[in-house]
Protein backbone atom coordinates (compact mmCIF):
# COMPACT_ATOMS: atom_id res chain seq x y z
CA MET A 1 0.00 0.00 0.00
CA ARG A 2 2.90 2.39 0.76
CA ALA A 3 4.31 1.59 -2.70
CA ILE A 4 1.04 2.69 -4.29
CA ILE A 5 1.15 6.00 -2.41
CA LYS A 6 4.79 6.63 -3.35
CA LYS A 7 4.00 5.86 -6.99
CA PHE A 8 1.26 8.46 -6.94
CA LEU A 9 3.43 11.07 -5.24
CA THR A 10 6.51 10.60 -7.44
CA PRO A 11 6.43 12.93 -10.47
CA LYS A 12 6.99 11.38 -13.86
CA LYS A 13 10.31 12.58 -15.32
CA SER A 14 11.14 12.89 -19.00
CA SER A 15 14.18 11.04 -20.34
CA ARG A 16 15.39 14.15 -22.20
CA GLU A 17 14.43 17.77 -22.59
CA PRO A 18 13.22 18.88 -26.06
CA ASP A 19 15.72 20.82 -28.19
CA THR A 20 13.09 23.33 -29.26
CA ILE A 21 9.82 24.51 -27.88
CA PRO A 22 6.97 23.46 -30.20
CA VAL A 23 4.62 26.17 -31.38
CA LEU A 24 0.97 25.56 -30.52
CA LYS A 25 -1.68 26.36 -33.06
CA LYS A 26 -4.43 28.67 -31.91
CA SER A 27 -7.65 26.91 -31.04
CA ILE A 28 -11.18 27.94 -30.28
CA VAL A 29 -12.59 27.53 -26.80
CA GLY A 30 -13.15 23.85 -25.97
CA GLU A 31 -10.59 22.52 -28.47
CA GLN A 32 -7.29 20.95 -27.47
CA PRO A 33 -4.18 22.84 -28.69
CA THR A 34 -2.29 20.91 -31.37
CA ILE A 35 1.39 20.42 -32.06
CA PRO A 36 2.44 20.22 -35.74
CA GLY A 37 3.11 16.63 -36.74
CA VAL A 38 1.87 15.21 -33.44
CA GLN A 39 -1.49 13.48 -33.11
CA ALA A 40 -3.60 14.84 -30.28
CA PRO A 41 -3.85 12.34 -27.42
CA LYS A 42 -7.18 10.80 -26.59
CA LEU A 43 -8.85 12.13 -23.48
CA LEU A 44 -9.04 9.39 -20.87
CA GLU A 45 -11.75 9.38 -18.23
CA PRO A 46 -10.12 8.25 -14.99
CA PRO A 47 -11.76 5.41 -13.03
CA GLN A 48 -14.05 6.78 -10.36
CA LEU A 49 -16.00 5.38 -7.46
CA ILE A 50 -19.77 5.73 -7.72
CA THR A 51 -21.60 5.94 -4.40
CA ALA A 52 -25.11 6.12 -3.00
CA CYS A 53 -26.58 5.98 0.47
CA GLY A 54 -29.96 5.66 2.12
CA GLN A 55 -31.42 5.68 5.61
CA SER A 56 -34.77 5.21 7.34
CA MET A 57 -35.95 5.24 10.93
CA GLY A 58 -37.89 2.07 10.17
CA GLN A 59 -41.50 1.26 11.04
CA GLN A 60 -41.19 0.45 14.72
CA ARG A 61 -38.70 2.96 16.16
CA ASP A 62 -39.39 6.49 17.37
CA ARG A 63 -35.86 7.81 16.73
CA ASN A 64 -32.88 7.10 14.51
CA GLU A 65 -29.78 5.73 16.25
CA ASP A 66 -27.85 5.00 13.03
CA ALA A 67 -25.22 7.33 11.57
CA LEU A 68 -23.31 7.25 8.29
CA PHE A 69 -20.47 9.05 6.51
CA THR A 70 -19.42 8.99 2.86
CA PHE A 71 -16.46 10.73 1.24
CA THR A 72 -15.41 10.09 -2.36
CA THR A 73 -12.74 11.78 -4.44
CA ILE A 74 -9.98 10.97 -6.92
CA LEU A 75 -6.27 11.74 -6.70
CA VAL A 76 -4.89 12.67 -10.11
CA SER A 77 -1.22 13.19 -10.89
CA ASP A 78 0.16 13.06 -14.43
CA THR A 79 -1.16 9.77 -15.88
CA ARG A 80 -2.02 8.26 -12.49
CA HIS A 81 -5.61 8.24 -11.30
CA ILE A 82 -6.28 6.81 -7.87
CA PRO A 83 -9.86 6.58 -6.51
CA PHE A 84 -10.12 7.44 -2.82
CA GLY A 85 -13.11 6.80 -0.59
CA LEU A 86 -13.99 6.59 3.09
CA TYR A 87 -17.33 5.07 4.12
CA ILE A 88 -18.66 4.51 7.64
CA VAL A 89 -21.81 3.01 9.15
CA ALA A 90 -22.53 3.11 12.89
CA ASP A 91 -25.56 1.65 14.67
CA GLY A 92 -26.18 3.11 18.13
CA MET A 93 -27.04 0.42 20.65
CA GLY A 94 -30.72 0.37 21.54
CA GLY A 95 -31.45 0.17 25.24
CA HIS A 96 -28.34 2.14 26.11
CA GLN A 97 -28.30 5.81 27.05
CA HIS A 98 -27.35 8.15 24.20
CA GLY A 99 -27.25 5.46 21.50
CA GLU A 100 -27.89 8.01 18.75
CA VAL A 101 -25.27 10.35 20.24
CA ALA A 102 -22.70 7.57 20.44
CA SER A 103 -23.08 6.62 16.77
CA ALA A 104 -22.75 10.25 15.61
CA ILE A 105 -19.68 10.83 17.77
CA ALA A 106 -18.05 7.62 16.54
CA VAL A 107 -18.55 8.49 12.86
CA ARG A 108 -17.16 12.00 13.30
CA ALA A 109 -14.15 10.85 15.32
CA MET A 110 -13.29 8.08 12.87
CA ALA A 111 -13.66 10.24 9.75
CA SER A 112 -11.74 13.13 11.28
CA LEU A 113 -8.74 11.03 12.23
CA VAL A 114 -8.49 9.15 8.91
CA ILE A 115 -8.72 12.35 6.86
CA GLN A 116 -6.21 14.14 9.07
CA LYS A 117 -3.70 11.26 9.17
CA LEU A 118 -4.01 10.10 5.55
CA LEU A 119 -5.64 12.54 3.16
CA VAL A 120 -4.20 15.80 4.52
CA PRO A 121 -0.54 14.65 4.13
CA LEU A 122 -1.26 13.58 0.54
CA LEU A 123 -2.69 17.02 -0.23
CA GLN A 124 0.21 19.00 1.24
CA THR A 125 2.51 20.88 -1.15
CA LYS A 126 5.18 18.20 -0.89
CA GLY A 127 2.60 15.41 -1.03
CA GLU A 128 4.22 13.27 1.65
CA ALA A 129 3.10 9.72 2.35
CA PRO A 130 1.63 9.17 5.84
CA GLU A 131 3.96 7.84 8.51
CA GLN A 132 1.55 5.05 9.47
CA SER A 133 0.14 2.22 7.36
CA PHE A 134 -3.52 2.20 6.35
CA GLN A 135 -4.17 -0.57 8.88
CA GLU A 136 -2.56 1.43 11.68
CA ILE A 137 -4.53 4.56 10.79
CA MET A 138 -7.85 2.68 10.73
CA HIS A 139 -7.04 0.97 14.03
CA GLU A 140 -6.22 4.32 15.63
CA GLY A 141 -9.48 5.73 14.27
CA ILE A 142 -11.46 3.03 16.07
CA LEU A 143 -9.65 3.74 19.34
CA GLU A 144 -10.29 7.48 19.00
CA ALA A 145 -13.99 6.85 18.38
CA HIS A 146 -14.15 4.56 21.41
CA LYS A 147 -12.50 7.15 23.68
CA ALA A 148 -14.72 9.94 22.35
CA ILE A 149 -17.87 7.99 23.23
CA ILE A 150 -16.67 7.22 26.73
CA LYS A 151 -15.88 10.90 27.25
CA GLN A 152 -18.91 12.52 25.58
CA ALA A 153 -21.72 9.93 25.75
CA ILE A 154 -21.34 8.01 28.99
CA GLY A 155 -23.36 4.80 28.85
CA GLY A 156 -23.76 4.99 25.07
CA GLY A 157 -22.53 2.35 22.66
CA THR A 158 -22.39 1.72 18.94
CA THR A 159 -21.22 -0.58 16.20
CA LEU A 160 -18.84 0.87 13.63
CA THR A 161 -17.86 -0.48 10.24
CA ALA A 162 -15.52 1.70 8.18
CA VAL A 163 -14.00 1.05 4.77
CA LEU A 164 -11.10 2.98 3.28
CA ILE A 165 -10.62 2.57 -0.48
CA PHE A 166 -7.36 3.61 -2.15
CA GLY A 167 -7.07 2.50 -5.76
CA ASP A 168 -8.31 -1.07 -5.96
CA GLN A 169 -7.49 -1.88 -2.34
CA MET A 170 -9.76 -1.74 0.72
CA THR A 171 -8.91 -1.50 4.42
CA ILE A 172 -11.79 -2.29 6.77
CA ALA A 173 -12.10 -1.52 10.48
CA HIS A 174 -14.99 -3.25 12.20
CA VAL A 175 -16.63 -3.55 15.61
CA GLY A 176 -20.15 -4.90 16.23
CA ASP A 177 -22.71 -6.39 13.86
CA SER A 178 -23.07 -3.88 11.05
CA ARG A 179 -21.74 -5.53 7.91
CA ALA A 180 -19.62 -5.06 4.79
CA TYR A 181 -20.48 -7.15 1.72
CA LEU A 182 -18.47 -7.49 -1.51
CA ILE A 183 -20.69 -8.45 -4.45
CA SER A 184 -19.34 -9.44 -7.88
CA PRO A 185 -21.18 -8.79 -11.18
CA SER A 186 -21.90 -12.56 -11.30
CA GLN A 187 -23.70 -12.20 -7.91
CA GLN A 188 -21.03 -13.95 -5.90
CA VAL A 189 -21.19 -12.63 -2.32
CA ASP A 190 -18.49 -12.31 0.31
CA ILE A 191 -19.44 -11.08 3.80
CA ILE A 192 -16.16 -9.36 4.65
CA THR A 193 -16.91 -8.63 8.29
CA ARG A 194 -17.72 -10.95 11.18
CA ASP A 195 -20.60 -10.19 13.54
CA HIS A 196 -19.48 -9.61 17.12
CA SER A 197 -22.77 -10.94 18.46
CA LEU A 198 -23.65 -13.64 20.96
CA VAL A 199 -25.61 -15.76 18.47
CA LYS A 200 -22.85 -15.54 15.85
CA ARG A 201 -20.40 -16.81 18.42
CA LEU A 202 -22.74 -19.69 19.28
CA VAL A 203 -22.97 -20.55 15.57
CA GLU A 204 -19.16 -20.51 15.29
CA LEU A 205 -18.96 -22.88 18.27
CA GLY A 206 -21.52 -25.20 16.66
CA GLN A 207 -24.02 -24.79 19.50
CA ILE A 208 -26.82 -23.42 17.29
CA THR A 209 -27.54 -23.34 13.56
CA PRO A 210 -27.69 -20.15 11.42
CA GLU A 211 -31.45 -20.72 11.13
CA GLU A 212 -31.79 -20.84 14.91
CA ALA A 213 -29.61 -17.73 15.22
CA ALA A 214 -31.96 -15.75 12.94
CA ILE A 215 -34.84 -16.13 15.42
CA HIS A 216 -32.83 -16.35 18.66
CA PRO A 217 -34.23 -14.01 21.38
CA GLN A 218 -30.69 -12.68 22.06
CA ARG A 219 -29.71 -12.16 18.41
CA ASN A 220 -29.17 -8.43 19.02
CA VAL A 221 -26.81 -8.88 21.99
CA LEU A 222 -23.24 -7.83 21.19
CA TYR A 223 -20.09 -8.91 23.00
CA ARG A 224 -18.01 -6.14 21.39
CA ALA A 225 -19.06 -2.52 20.77
CA LEU A 226 -17.55 0.95 20.94
CA GLY A 227 -18.09 2.72 24.24
CA GLN A 228 -18.71 -0.57 26.05
CA GLY A 229 -15.95 -2.31 27.94
CA GLU A 230 -12.16 -2.11 27.87
CA PRO A 231 -9.99 -2.80 26.02
CA ILE A 232 -11.55 -2.50 22.57
CA GLU A 233 -10.06 -4.63 19.81
CA PRO A 234 -11.38 -4.05 16.28
CA ASP A 235 -11.11 -6.38 13.32
CA ILE A 236 -8.77 -4.83 10.73
CA ILE A 237 -9.13 -6.43 7.30
CA SER A 238 -7.34 -5.82 4.00
CA SER A 239 -8.99 -6.86 0.75
CA SER A 240 -8.98 -6.06 -2.95
CA PHE A 241 -11.84 -4.16 -4.59
CA PRO A 242 -12.11 -5.64 -8.10
CA CYS A 243 -13.49 -3.54 -10.95
CA ASP A 244 -17.24 -3.89 -11.56
CA SER A 245 -17.76 -5.10 -7.98
CA TYR A 246 -20.14 -3.58 -5.44
CA LEU A 247 -19.44 -2.78 -1.81
CA LEU A 248 -22.40 -2.67 0.58
CA LEU A 249 -22.15 -1.31 4.12
CA CYS A 250 -25.30 -1.69 6.18
CA SER A 251 -26.75 -1.91 9.66
CA ASP A 252 -28.64 -4.97 10.88
CA GLY A 253 -31.88 -3.14 10.16
CA LEU A 254 -31.23 -4.14 6.53
CA TRP A 255 -29.40 -7.47 6.57
CA GLY A 256 -31.46 -8.77 9.49
CA VAL A 257 -34.71 -8.29 7.53
CA VAL A 258 -33.96 -8.68 3.83
CA PRO A 259 -32.65 -12.11 2.70
CA GLN A 260 -29.18 -12.07 1.19
CA ASP A 261 -30.29 -13.27 -2.26
CA GLU A 262 -32.80 -10.40 -2.46
CA ILE A 263 -30.13 -7.89 -1.47
CA VAL A 264 -27.85 -9.15 -4.22
CA ASN A 265 -30.60 -9.20 -6.86
CA LEU A 266 -31.71 -5.67 -6.07
CA ILE A 267 -28.15 -4.34 -6.34
CA THR A 268 -27.00 -6.16 -9.46
CA ASN A 269 -30.26 -5.77 -11.40
CA THR A 270 -30.80 -2.05 -10.78
CA PRO A 271 -28.65 0.02 -13.18
CA ILE A 272 -28.79 3.26 -11.16
CA LEU A 273 -26.97 2.92 -7.84
CA HIS A 274 -29.10 5.48 -6.02
CA MET A 275 -32.27 3.63 -7.00
CA ALA A 276 -30.77 0.32 -5.85
CA CYS A 277 -30.03 1.84 -2.46
CA GLN A 278 -33.56 3.20 -2.13
CA LYS A 279 -35.02 -0.17 -3.09
CA LEU A 280 -33.02 -1.84 -0.31
CA ILE A 281 -34.42 0.61 2.25
CA GLU A 282 -37.97 0.19 0.95
CA ARG A 283 -37.69 -3.60 1.02
CA ALA A 284 -36.54 -3.54 4.66
CA ASN A 285 -39.51 -1.36 5.58
CA LEU A 286 -41.88 -3.67 3.72
CA GLY A 287 -40.45 -6.48 5.84
CA GLY A 288 -41.71 -4.72 8.95
CA GLY A 289 -38.89 -2.21 9.49
CA PRO A 290 -38.25 -3.37 13.09
CA ASP A 291 -35.04 -1.34 13.38
CA ASN A 292 -33.30 1.70 11.90
CA ILE A 293 -32.05 1.02 8.37
CA THR A 294 -28.81 2.34 6.88
CA ALA A 295 -27.06 1.39 3.65
CA ILE A 296 -24.08 2.68 1.68
CA LEU A 297 -23.40 1.33 -1.81
CA VAL A 298 -20.11 1.78 -3.67
CA HIS A 299 -19.50 0.65 -7.26
CA TYR A 300 -16.11 0.54 -8.98
CA PRO A 301 -16.91 0.42 -12.72
CA SER A 302 -14.28 -0.77 -15.17
């Protein structure tokens, strides 16, 4: 990952300086200037991340305890085009004081630290690479969010799933039971994150089946969440983000209501990403909307 950053920051040098300065023909507004005897280069559209997000309070809640953050840009230098994105979903813990405050604080703290530690150095005049690795920055962001909740929202708790995209690489920081899915154009699904819930742990131990977990009375009980307990240890995951794939970040208000095959079909069969996101929210509400619903969709077209 550091090599990718250095490649972006290093200016491309010419092997030799031209003996003479070519004369540019005059051109009207909107035309590219031309050099005699040289064919004008084709304009290349750099690869860009396409994003959409949606949120609903649901049908059975009187307030929204979910929070989200999306930031998408592109770093362009000479012939190098590097997509950059930061996406965060946080689900405040119901039944705890200041759940909605905790999720908002966590998202702000995480986003602030990642942008300050990673993006700001890249945008400085010298364009220096950050001192820490992506994994270290994301880990520090989780710890900062955890400390901010303890300080500003005593008794509050939240999940937090954050994905940093740089080029075709992803770094994920995760605590709780919000999820990150990677979906291929052929509808192959990979659940990147692991739920830090009691029933998921029982499934992993072979004590209950996934079907039993889906209706277990303690399916919403977490054993790991920001603002709750010390020390906090997030899952830090590195993964590729292949072209034409989709990334879905969502709270359990979506994945806990809408079956996985329906989620995949809605995303891959809806050409406009914003409409796909809205359809996911609507489908969760049609399923009863028992919880707040949050979804972020990211597409990396070829």
